[in-house]
Amino acid sequence: MENQPGGYLKYYLCLTGAHVLVGSSVVAGKIVAEQMPIFLSSAIRFVLALAVLWPLLKREGGLPKMGRRDWGLLFLLALLG
């Protein structure tokens, strides 16, 4: 992987894109919070996420099978944020 032209460039670009997305969502969230009730904006955010993620889930054939350890780790991550 490192010997290919560009090496880690693809990964750096993905990380940069993720940071830009997170940073812009904070700014957009502050603007939206000033314009509409917080619960309405949260509901809209979840509906949009569902509209984007549901077709991806269907395309991949459903959720992956998870063992007991995986569910425990997922719960721990959700609990700690």
Protein backbone atom coordinates (compact mmCIF):
# COMPACT_ATOMS: atom_id res chain seq x y z
CA MET A 1 0.00 0.00 0.00
CA GLU A 2 2.75 2.45 0.92
CA ASN A 3 4.69 1.72 -2.27
CA GLN A 4 1.83 2.72 -4.53
CA PRO A 5 1.73 6.23 -5.97
CA GLY A 6 -0.02 8.45 -3.47
CA GLY A 7 0.60 5.99 -0.62
CA TYR A 8 -1.43 7.22 2.32
CA LEU A 9 -2.92 10.18 0.44
CA LYS A 10 -6.31 8.44 0.13
CA TYR A 11 -6.47 7.96 3.89
CA TYR A 12 -5.43 11.53 4.64
CA LEU A 13 -8.11 12.81 2.28
CA CYS A 14 -10.76 10.64 3.97
CA LEU A 15 -9.71 11.87 7.42
CA THR A 16 -9.70 15.48 6.22
CA GLY A 17 -13.16 15.04 4.72
CA ALA A 18 -14.47 13.54 7.96
CA HIS A 19 -13.08 16.48 9.97
CA VAL A 20 -14.59 19.01 7.58
CA LEU A 21 -17.95 17.24 7.79
CA VAL A 22 -17.92 17.16 11.60
CA GLY A 23 -16.73 20.76 11.86
CA SER A 24 -19.35 22.05 9.45
CA SER A 25 -22.10 20.12 11.24
CA VAL A 26 -21.26 21.94 14.48
CA VAL A 27 -21.60 25.31 12.76
CA ALA A 28 -24.78 24.23 10.95
CA GLY A 29 -26.21 22.90 14.21
CA LYS A 30 -25.73 26.25 15.93
CA ILE A 31 -27.44 28.07 13.08
CA VAL A 32 -30.35 25.61 13.01
CA ALA A 33 -30.73 25.75 16.81
CA GLU A 34 -31.32 29.49 16.57
CA GLN A 35 -33.98 29.10 13.86
CA MET A 36 -36.16 26.19 15.04
CA PRO A 37 -36.98 24.18 18.17
CA ILE A 38 -34.25 21.74 19.17
CA PHE A 39 -36.49 18.66 19.15
CA LEU A 40 -37.73 19.45 15.64
CA SER A 41 -34.19 19.86 14.35
CA SER A 42 -33.21 16.55 16.00
CA ALA A 43 -36.17 14.78 14.41
CA ILE A 44 -35.28 16.17 10.99
CA ARG A 45 -31.66 15.07 11.45
CA PHE A 46 -32.73 11.51 12.31
CA VAL A 47 -35.15 11.32 9.39
CA LEU A 48 -32.43 12.47 7.00
CA ALA A 49 -29.99 9.94 8.45
CA LEU A 50 -32.59 7.19 8.02
CA ALA A 51 -33.22 8.26 4.42
CA VAL A 52 -29.50 7.98 3.64
CA LEU A 53 -28.60 4.90 5.69
CA TRP A 54 -31.62 2.67 5.00
CA PRO A 55 -30.84 2.17 1.27
CA LEU A 56 -27.20 1.47 2.17
CA LEU A 57 -28.29 -1.15 4.68
CA LYS A 58 -30.57 -2.79 2.11
CA ARG A 59 -27.81 -2.77 -0.50
CA GLU A 60 -25.38 -4.50 1.86
CA GLY A 61 -27.89 -7.21 2.74
CA GLY A 62 -28.76 -6.19 6.29
CA LEU A 63 -26.91 -5.85 9.53
CA PRO A 64 -23.85 -7.99 10.14
CA LYS A 65 -24.14 -10.85 12.63
CA MET A 66 -22.70 -9.79 15.97
CA GLY A 67 -21.62 -11.94 18.88
CA ARG A 68 -22.21 -11.30 22.56
CA ARG A 69 -18.82 -9.57 22.95
CA ASP A 70 -19.57 -7.23 20.04
CA TRP A 71 -22.94 -6.26 21.55
CA GLY A 72 -21.23 -5.55 24.87
CA LEU A 73 -18.64 -3.33 23.23
CA LEU A 74 -21.33 -1.54 21.24
CA PHE A 75 -23.30 -0.91 24.43
CA LEU A 76 -20.17 0.41 26.15
CA LEU A 77 -19.44 2.76 23.25
CA ALA A 78 -23.02 4.03 23.26
CA LEU A 79 -22.94 4.52 27.01
CA LEU A 80 -19.69 6.49 26.98
CA GLY A 81 -20.49 8.50 23.88
